[in-house]
Amino acid sequence: MARKKKEPINITPPPTTEHLVNSERVKVVVMFNGDNVICDLQEAVNPDTKERQAYIMNFPYKVEYDQPKMDKTGVVTDPEVKVHYAPWCPLSPDVRIPLNQNVVVTILEPVPSLRDTYITNVQKMGGSVE
């Protein structure tokens, strides 16, 4: 019995003239490879079935951080953590990147200071924020 060829699903959202980044959608995406990525996260949904097909990351940045300083007993002596940003996919100029939902471990709310720094970085890179 011949298998019916599935039509490809278009996961690219329609172009928008509105704000590219919504500060309320800023999330930290933890991936299976260990990357922590901060971005404005949207879902690409099949219009017929309403099932999520992929995530769309707007202005994704990989977030790395230094571990807090601890004494020999493991007690944190300086809770301040230094955060470092890098483009998540520096090989492409795209600022909207579709992401297979199967590579995501979890999605988290960022701490307020991380969200604020991210928004400032997006604006410096020419992104529009609402």
C-alpha atoms as a PDB file:
ATOM      1  CA  MET A   1       0.000   0.000   0.000  1.00  0.00           C
ATOM      2  CA  ALA A   2       1.477   3.333  -1.044  1.00  0.00           C
ATOM      3  CA  ARG A   3       1.890   5.942   1.654  1.00  0.00           C
ATOM      4  CA  LYS A   4       0.259   9.263   1.049  1.00  0.00           C
ATOM      5  CA  LYS A   5       2.833  12.033   0.957  1.00  0.00           C
ATOM      6  CA  LYS A   6       2.271  14.530   3.743  1.00  0.00           C
ATOM      7  CA  GLU A   7       2.113  18.163   2.802  1.00  0.00           C
ATOM      8  CA  PRO A   8       4.792  20.222   4.537  1.00  0.00           C
ATOM      9  CA  ILE A   9       3.604  22.414   7.352  1.00  0.00           C
ATOM     10  CA  ASN A  10       4.514  26.058   7.088  1.00  0.00           C
ATOM     11  CA  ILE A  11       5.905  26.992  10.486  1.00  0.00           C
ATOM     12  CA  THR A  12       6.923  30.494   9.510  1.00  0.00           C
ATOM     13  CA  PRO A  13       4.546  33.008  11.033  1.00  0.00           C
ATOM     14  CA  PRO A  14       3.241  35.737   8.752  1.00  0.00           C
ATOM     15  CA  PRO A  15       5.355  38.885   8.674  1.00  0.00           C
ATOM     16  CA  THR A  16       4.334  41.473  11.201  1.00  0.00           C
ATOM     17  CA  THR A  17       4.707  45.209  11.264  1.00  0.00           C
ATOM     18  CA  GLU A  18       4.065  45.270  14.998  1.00  0.00           C
ATOM     19  CA  HIS A  19       6.678  45.088  17.717  1.00  0.00           C
ATOM     20  CA  LEU A  20       9.027  42.179  17.179  1.00  0.00           C
ATOM     21  CA  VAL A  21       9.647  41.473  20.868  1.00  0.00           C
ATOM     22  CA  ASN A  22       6.939  41.412  23.507  1.00  0.00           C
ATOM     23  CA  SER A  23       8.496  41.785  26.959  1.00  0.00           C
ATOM     24  CA  GLU A  24       5.811  39.542  28.470  1.00  0.00           C
ATOM     25  CA  ARG A  25       6.869  36.627  26.219  1.00  0.00           C
ATOM     26  CA  VAL A  26      10.544  36.733  27.177  1.00  0.00           C
ATOM     27  CA  LYS A  27      11.525  33.261  28.393  1.00  0.00           C
ATOM     28  CA  VAL A  28      14.604  31.186  29.124  1.00  0.00           C
ATOM     29  CA  VAL A  29      14.577  28.027  27.015  1.00  0.00           C
ATOM     30  CA  VAL A  30      16.658  25.156  28.389  1.00  0.00           C
ATOM     31  CA  MET A  31      17.683  22.819  25.585  1.00  0.00           C
ATOM     32  CA  PHE A  32      18.712  19.174  25.607  1.00  0.00           C
ATOM     33  CA  ASN A  33      22.277  20.136  24.637  1.00  0.00           C
ATOM     34  CA  GLY A  34      22.529  22.235  27.817  1.00  0.00           C
ATOM     35  CA  ASP A  35      22.160  25.654  26.202  1.00  0.00           C
ATOM     36  CA  ASN A  36      20.164  28.292  28.063  1.00  0.00           C
ATOM     37  CA  VAL A  37      18.622  30.646  25.521  1.00  0.00           C
ATOM     38  CA  ILE A  38      16.753  33.833  26.351  1.00  0.00           C
ATOM     39  CA  CYS A  39      14.326  35.059  23.709  1.00  0.00           C
ATOM     40  CA  ASP A  40      10.847  36.285  22.960  1.00  0.00           C
ATOM     41  CA  LEU A  41       9.207  32.886  22.541  1.00  0.00           C
ATOM     42  CA  GLN A  42       6.184  32.260  20.337  1.00  0.00           C
ATOM     43  CA  GLU A  43       4.462  29.091  19.150  1.00  0.00           C
ATOM     44  CA  ALA A  44       3.832  28.083  15.552  1.00  0.00           C
ATOM     45  CA  VAL A  45       0.459  26.336  15.589  1.00  0.00           C
ATOM     46  CA  ASN A  46      -1.236  24.281  12.894  1.00  0.00           C
ATOM     47  CA  PRO A  47      -4.356  26.338  12.074  1.00  0.00           C
ATOM     48  CA  ASP A  48      -6.463  23.230  11.458  1.00  0.00           C
ATOM     49  CA  THR A  49      -5.560  21.065  14.438  1.00  0.00           C
ATOM     50  CA  LYS A  50      -4.378  23.835  16.804  1.00  0.00           C
ATOM     51  CA  GLU A  51      -1.383  21.621  17.657  1.00  0.00           C
ATOM     52  CA  ARG A  52       1.988  23.257  18.286  1.00  0.00           C
ATOM     53  CA  GLN A  53       4.344  22.526  15.402  1.00  0.00           C
ATOM     54  CA  ALA A  54       7.393  24.454  16.586  1.00  0.00           C
ATOM     55  CA  TYR A  55       8.565  27.369  18.650  1.00  0.00           C
ATOM     56  CA  ILE A  56       9.676  30.667  17.149  1.00  0.00           C
ATOM     57  CA  MET A  57      12.523  32.397  18.960  1.00  0.00           C
ATOM     58  CA  ASN A  58      12.801  36.142  18.383  1.00  0.00           C
ATOM     59  CA  PHE A  59      16.262  37.606  19.061  1.00  0.00           C
ATOM     60  CA  PRO A  60      17.633  34.452  20.733  1.00  0.00           C
ATOM     61  CA  TYR A  61      20.748  34.832  22.855  1.00  0.00           C
ATOM     62  CA  LYS A  62      22.694  32.057  24.507  1.00  0.00           C
ATOM     63  CA  VAL A  63      23.132  32.865  28.185  1.00  0.00           C
ATOM     64  CA  GLU A  64      26.160  31.669  30.105  1.00  0.00           C
ATOM     65  CA  TYR A  65      26.959  32.590  33.676  1.00  0.00           C
ATOM     66  CA  ASP A  66      29.718  32.328  36.228  1.00  0.00           C
ATOM     67  CA  GLN A  67      28.983  30.221  39.275  1.00  0.00           C
ATOM     68  CA  PRO A  68      28.492  32.220  42.510  1.00  0.00           C
ATOM     69  CA  LYS A  69      31.479  32.374  44.853  1.00  0.00           C
ATOM     70  CA  MET A  70      31.388  29.840  47.687  1.00  0.00           C
ATOM     71  CA  ASP A  71      33.538  29.091  50.695  1.00  0.00           C
ATOM     72  CA  LYS A  72      35.089  25.675  51.374  1.00  0.00           C
ATOM     73  CA  THR A  73      31.903  24.444  53.051  1.00  0.00           C
ATOM     74  CA  GLY A  74      29.752  25.243  50.021  1.00  0.00           C
ATOM     75  CA  VAL A  75      28.090  28.331  51.482  1.00  0.00           C
ATOM     76  CA  VAL A  76      27.583  31.130  48.953  1.00  0.00           C
ATOM     77  CA  THR A  77      29.743  34.088  49.918  1.00  0.00           C
ATOM     78  CA  ASP A  78      28.822  36.359  47.003  1.00  0.00           C
ATOM     79  CA  PRO A  79      25.402  35.720  45.444  1.00  0.00           C
ATOM     80  CA  GLU A  80      26.041  38.023  42.488  1.00  0.00           C
ATOM     81  CA  VAL A  81      26.261  36.074  39.248  1.00  0.00           C
ATOM     82  CA  LYS A  82      27.896  37.470  36.106  1.00  0.00           C
ATOM     83  CA  VAL A  83      25.908  36.784  32.950  1.00  0.00           C
ATOM     84  CA  HIS A  84      27.353  36.619  29.430  1.00  0.00           C
ATOM     85  CA  TYR A  85      25.289  36.879  26.240  1.00  0.00           C
ATOM     86  CA  ALA A  86      26.156  35.587  22.792  1.00  0.00           C
ATOM     87  CA  PRO A  87      24.015  35.241  19.668  1.00  0.00           C
ATOM     88  CA  TRP A  88      22.433  31.787  19.782  1.00  0.00           C
ATOM     89  CA  CYS A  89      23.031  31.167  16.087  1.00  0.00           C
ATOM     90  CA  PRO A  90      25.822  33.524  14.980  1.00  0.00           C
ATOM     91  CA  LEU A  91      26.020  31.926  11.519  1.00  0.00           C
ATOM     92  CA  SER A  92      22.733  33.518  10.446  1.00  0.00           C
ATOM     93  CA  PRO A  93      21.534  37.128  10.428  1.00  0.00           C
ATOM     94  CA  ASP A  94      17.961  35.939  11.116  1.00  0.00           C
ATOM     95  CA  VAL A  95      16.351  37.308  14.260  1.00  0.00           C
ATOM     96  CA  ARG A  96      13.301  34.978  14.050  1.00  0.00           C
ATOM     97  CA  ILE A  97      14.370  31.361  14.243  1.00  0.00           C
ATOM     98  CA  PRO A  98      12.044  28.340  14.235  1.00  0.00           C
ATOM     99  CA  LEU A  99      12.937  25.689  16.797  1.00  0.00           C
ATOM    100  CA  ASN A 100      11.885  22.050  16.828  1.00  0.00           C
ATOM    101  CA  GLN A 101       9.904  21.558  20.033  1.00  0.00           C
ATOM    102  CA  ASN A 102      11.634  18.211  20.629  1.00  0.00           C
ATOM    103  CA  VAL A 103      14.938  19.889  21.546  1.00  0.00           C
ATOM    104  CA  VAL A 104      13.427  21.770  24.487  1.00  0.00           C
ATOM    105  CA  VAL A 105      13.781  20.456  28.045  1.00  0.00           C
ATOM    106  CA  THR A 106      11.864  23.243  29.777  1.00  0.00           C
ATOM    107  CA  ILE A 107      10.810  26.875  29.493  1.00  0.00           C
ATOM    108  CA  LEU A 108      11.356  29.227  32.424  1.00  0.00           C
ATOM    109  CA  GLU A 109      10.556  32.778  33.462  1.00  0.00           C
ATOM    110  CA  PRO A 110      13.765  34.829  33.626  1.00  0.00           C
ATOM    111  CA  VAL A 111      14.662  36.758  36.754  1.00  0.00           C
ATOM    112  CA  PRO A 112      13.708  40.441  36.308  1.00  0.00           C
ATOM    113  CA  SER A 113      17.294  41.688  35.983  1.00  0.00           C
ATOM    114  CA  LEU A 114      17.996  39.142  33.224  1.00  0.00           C
ATOM    115  CA  ARG A 115      14.809  40.144  31.369  1.00  0.00           C
ATOM    116  CA  ASP A 116      15.733  43.845  31.628  1.00  0.00           C
ATOM    117  CA  THR A 117      19.275  43.288  30.347  1.00  0.00           C
ATOM    118  CA  TYR A 118      17.959  41.157  27.476  1.00  0.00           C
ATOM    119  CA  ILE A 119      15.480  43.872  26.436  1.00  0.00           C
ATOM    120  CA  THR A 120      18.244  46.487  26.518  1.00  0.00           C
ATOM    121  CA  ASN A 121      20.429  44.248  24.307  1.00  0.00           C
ATOM    122  CA  VAL A 122      17.578  43.707  21.825  1.00  0.00           C
ATOM    123  CA  GLN A 123      17.031  47.446  21.541  1.00  0.00           C
ATOM    124  CA  LYS A 124      20.774  48.034  20.979  1.00  0.00           C
ATOM    125  CA  MET A 125      20.635  45.470  18.149  1.00  0.00           C
ATOM    126  CA  GLY A 126      17.815  47.410  16.474  1.00  0.00           C
ATOM    127  CA  GLY A 127      14.933  45.299  17.755  1.00  0.00           C
ATOM    128  CA  SER A 128      11.590  46.798  18.548  1.00  0.00           C
ATOM    129  CA  VAL A 129      10.141  46.016  21.997  1.00  0.00           C
ATOM    130  CA  GLU A 130       6.653  46.516  23.332  1.00  0.00           C
END
